[in-house]
Amino acid sequence: MKNENAAKQQFLKAKDVAQDFFGGTISYGKVLTMTKAGILPAKKFGRVYYYTLDALNNWAEKNMNSHAWKGMSK
């Protein structure tokens, strides 16, 4: 069952996260900065970071009122 869920996961790249998840409110560079700082959940394969929509949604729920949301601008 776990493998079926993994197959259904939607993987996003940093540009997708900036445009689709954050609706363009933060830049691609800011997404990478937050990822490298360990703020956003991602896995790195080679030189590319991959994000799952489930992990991003969980992160957003946990951090909605935290400092991670403050100062988010391009």
N, C-alpha and C. Protein backbone atom coordinates (compact mmCIF):
# COMPACT_ATOMS: atom_id res chain seq x y z
N MET A 1 0.82 -1.19 0.00
CA MET A 1 0.00 0.00 0.00
C MET A 1 0.87 1.26 0.00
N LYS A 2 1.98 1.23 0.72
CA LYS A 2 2.87 2.39 0.78
C LYS A 2 3.44 2.72 -0.60
N ASN A 3 3.76 1.69 -1.38
CA ASN A 3 4.28 1.92 -2.72
C ASN A 3 3.25 2.55 -3.64
N GLU A 4 1.97 2.20 -3.46
CA GLU A 4 0.91 2.80 -4.26
C GLU A 4 0.80 4.28 -3.96
N ASN A 5 0.91 4.66 -2.68
CA ASN A 5 0.86 6.07 -2.31
C ASN A 5 2.05 6.82 -2.88
N ALA A 6 3.22 6.21 -2.86
CA ALA A 6 4.42 6.86 -3.39
C ALA A 6 4.27 7.09 -4.89
N ALA A 7 3.65 6.15 -5.58
CA ALA A 7 3.45 6.29 -7.02
C ALA A 7 2.48 7.42 -7.34
N LYS A 8 1.57 7.72 -6.43
CA LYS A 8 0.57 8.77 -6.65
C LYS A 8 1.06 10.14 -6.21
N GLN A 9 2.22 10.20 -5.56
CA GLN A 9 2.76 11.48 -5.10
C GLN A 9 3.01 12.40 -6.28
N GLN A 10 2.73 13.67 -6.09
CA GLN A 10 3.05 14.66 -7.11
C GLN A 10 4.34 15.34 -6.69
N PHE A 11 5.35 15.25 -7.54
CA PHE A 11 6.64 15.86 -7.26
C PHE A 11 6.74 17.20 -7.96
N LEU A 12 7.22 18.18 -7.23
CA LEU A 12 7.37 19.53 -7.75
C LEU A 12 8.83 19.94 -7.67
N LYS A 13 9.25 20.81 -8.57
CA LYS A 13 10.57 21.42 -8.50
C LYS A 13 10.40 22.80 -7.87
N ALA A 14 11.50 23.44 -7.54
CA ALA A 14 11.46 24.73 -6.83
C ALA A 14 10.65 25.78 -7.59
N LYS A 15 10.78 25.84 -8.90
CA LYS A 15 10.01 26.82 -9.67
C LYS A 15 8.51 26.55 -9.56
N ASP A 16 8.14 25.27 -9.55
CA ASP A 16 6.73 24.91 -9.39
C ASP A 16 6.22 25.32 -8.02
N VAL A 17 7.05 25.12 -7.00
CA VAL A 17 6.66 25.48 -5.64
C VAL A 17 6.43 26.99 -5.55
N ALA A 18 7.33 27.77 -6.13
CA ALA A 18 7.21 29.23 -6.10
C ALA A 18 5.95 29.68 -6.83
N GLN A 19 5.70 29.13 -8.01
CA GLN A 19 4.58 29.57 -8.83
C GLN A 19 3.25 28.96 -8.41
N ASP A 20 3.23 27.66 -8.17
CA ASP A 20 1.97 26.97 -7.93
C ASP A 20 1.59 26.90 -6.45
N PHE A 21 2.51 26.48 -5.62
CA PHE A 21 2.19 26.32 -4.20
C PHE A 21 2.05 27.68 -3.51
N PHE A 22 3.00 28.58 -3.78
CA PHE A 22 2.96 29.90 -3.15
C PHE A 22 2.26 30.95 -4.02
N GLY A 23 1.78 30.55 -5.18
CA GLY A 23 1.04 31.45 -6.04
C GLY A 23 1.84 32.64 -6.53
N GLY A 24 3.14 32.49 -6.63
CA GLY A 24 3.99 33.56 -7.11
C GLY A 24 4.31 34.63 -6.08
N THR A 25 3.91 34.40 -4.83
CA THR A 25 4.15 35.41 -3.80
C THR A 25 5.60 35.41 -3.31
N ILE A 26 6.32 34.32 -3.55
CA ILE A 26 7.76 34.30 -3.27
C ILE A 26 8.48 33.81 -4.51
N SER A 27 9.71 34.17 -4.63
CA SER A 27 10.48 33.85 -5.82
C SER A 27 11.08 32.45 -5.76
N TYR A 28 11.53 32.02 -6.91
CA TYR A 28 12.25 30.75 -7.03
C TYR A 28 13.48 30.76 -6.12
N GLY A 29 14.20 31.86 -6.11
CA GLY A 29 15.40 31.99 -5.27
C GLY A 29 15.07 31.88 -3.79
N LYS A 30 13.97 32.47 -3.38
CA LYS A 30 13.55 32.40 -1.97
C LYS A 30 13.18 30.96 -1.61
N VAL A 31 12.53 30.24 -2.51
CA VAL A 31 12.21 28.82 -2.26
C VAL A 31 13.50 28.04 -2.04
N LEU A 32 14.50 28.27 -2.89
CA LEU A 32 15.78 27.56 -2.73
C LEU A 32 16.47 27.94 -1.43
N THR A 33 16.43 29.22 -1.08
CA THR A 33 17.03 29.67 0.17
C THR A 33 16.36 29.01 1.37
N MET A 34 15.04 28.96 1.36
CA MET A 34 14.30 28.33 2.46
C MET A 34 14.57 26.83 2.52
N THR A 35 14.73 26.22 1.35
CA THR A 35 15.00 24.78 1.30
C THR A 35 16.39 24.49 1.86
N LYS A 36 17.37 25.24 1.41
CA LYS A 36 18.75 25.03 1.87
C LYS A 36 18.90 25.29 3.36
N ALA A 37 18.06 26.18 3.90
CA ALA A 37 18.08 26.48 5.33
C ALA A 37 17.31 25.44 6.15
N GLY A 38 16.68 24.49 5.46
CA GLY A 38 15.93 23.44 6.16
C GLY A 38 14.52 23.86 6.56
N ILE A 39 14.05 24.96 6.01
CA ILE A 39 12.71 25.45 6.35
C ILE A 39 11.65 24.69 5.57
N LEU A 40 11.87 24.51 4.28
CA LEU A 40 10.92 23.77 3.45
C LEU A 40 11.35 22.32 3.30
N PRO A 41 10.38 21.39 3.32
CA PRO A 41 10.72 19.97 3.18
C PRO A 41 10.98 19.61 1.72
N ALA A 42 12.13 19.02 1.47
CA ALA A 42 12.50 18.61 0.11
C ALA A 42 13.55 17.52 0.17
N LYS A 43 13.70 16.84 -0.95
CA LYS A 43 14.76 15.85 -1.13
C LYS A 43 15.59 16.29 -2.32
N LYS A 44 16.89 16.17 -2.18
CA LYS A 44 17.78 16.56 -3.26
C LYS A 44 18.30 15.33 -3.98
N PHE A 45 18.13 15.33 -5.30
CA PHE A 45 18.66 14.28 -6.16
C PHE A 45 19.56 14.96 -7.17
N GLY A 46 20.85 14.70 -7.06
CA GLY A 46 21.79 15.40 -7.91
C GLY A 46 21.82 16.87 -7.52
N ARG A 47 21.53 17.73 -8.47
CA ARG A 47 21.53 19.17 -8.21
C ARG A 47 20.11 19.73 -8.05
N VAL A 48 19.11 18.87 -8.10
CA VAL A 48 17.72 19.32 -8.12
C VAL A 48 17.00 18.94 -6.83
N TYR A 49 16.25 19.88 -6.27
CA TYR A 49 15.40 19.62 -5.12
C TYR A 49 14.02 19.22 -5.61
N TYR A 50 13.45 18.20 -4.98
CA TYR A 50 12.09 17.77 -5.29
C TYR A 50 11.24 17.88 -4.03
N TYR A 51 10.02 18.35 -4.23
CA TYR A 51 9.07 18.58 -3.14
C TYR A 51 7.82 17.76 -3.44
N THR A 52 7.16 17.29 -2.38
CA THR A 52 5.87 16.65 -2.57
C THR A 52 4.80 17.59 -2.06
N LEU A 53 3.67 17.56 -2.73
CA LEU A 53 2.56 18.42 -2.34
C LEU A 53 2.08 18.08 -0.93
N ASP A 54 2.07 16.80 -0.60
CA ASP A 54 1.66 16.39 0.75
C ASP A 54 2.58 16.98 1.81
N ALA A 55 3.89 16.90 1.60
CA ALA A 55 4.84 17.43 2.57
C ALA A 55 4.71 18.95 2.70
N LEU A 56 4.51 19.64 1.57
CA LEU A 56 4.34 21.09 1.61
C LEU A 56 3.06 21.49 2.34
N ASN A 57 1.99 20.75 2.09
CA ASN A 57 0.72 21.05 2.78
C ASN A 57 0.85 20.80 4.28
N ASN A 58 1.53 19.73 4.67
CA ASN A 58 1.76 19.46 6.09
C ASN A 58 2.61 20.56 6.72
N TRP A 59 3.65 20.99 6.00
CA TRP A 59 4.50 22.07 6.48
C TRP A 59 3.69 23.35 6.67
N ALA A 60 2.83 23.65 5.70
CA ALA A 60 2.03 24.87 5.78
C ALA A 60 1.08 24.83 6.97
N GLU A 61 0.46 23.70 7.21
CA GLU A 61 -0.46 23.57 8.35
C GLU A 61 0.27 23.78 9.68
N LYS A 62 1.47 23.23 9.79
CA LYS A 62 2.23 23.33 11.03
C LYS A 62 2.83 24.71 11.24
N ASN A 63 3.11 25.43 10.15
CA ASN A 63 3.86 26.68 10.24
C ASN A 63 3.07 27.92 9.87
N MET A 64 1.77 27.80 9.74
CA MET A 64 0.96 28.92 9.28
C MET A 64 1.17 30.18 10.13
N ASN A 65 1.32 30.04 11.41
CA ASN A 65 1.47 31.20 12.29
C ASN A 65 2.90 31.41 12.77
N SER A 66 3.84 30.71 12.17
CA SER A 66 5.22 30.81 12.64
C SER A 66 6.00 31.89 11.88
N HIS A 67 7.23 32.09 12.30
CA HIS A 67 8.11 33.05 11.67
C HIS A 67 8.43 32.67 10.22
N ALA A 68 8.24 31.39 9.86
CA ALA A 68 8.54 30.95 8.49
C ALA A 68 7.67 31.67 7.46
N TRP A 69 6.46 32.06 7.86
CA TRP A 69 5.57 32.74 6.93
C TRP A 69 5.83 34.24 6.90
N LYS A 70 6.42 34.77 7.95
CA LYS A 70 6.64 36.21 8.03
C LYS A 70 7.77 36.62 7.10
N GLY A 71 7.60 37.71 6.47
CA GLY A 71 8.64 38.23 5.58
C GLY A 71 8.75 37.51 4.26
N MET A 72 7.74 36.73 3.90
CA MET A 72 7.79 36.05 2.62
C MET A 72 7.42 37.03 1.52
N SER A 73 8.42 37.41 0.79
CA SER A 73 8.20 38.27 -0.36
C SER A 73 9.27 37.95 -1.38
N LYS A 74 9.03 38.38 -2.57
CA LYS A 74 9.95 38.09 -3.66
C LYS A 74 11.30 38.68 -3.35
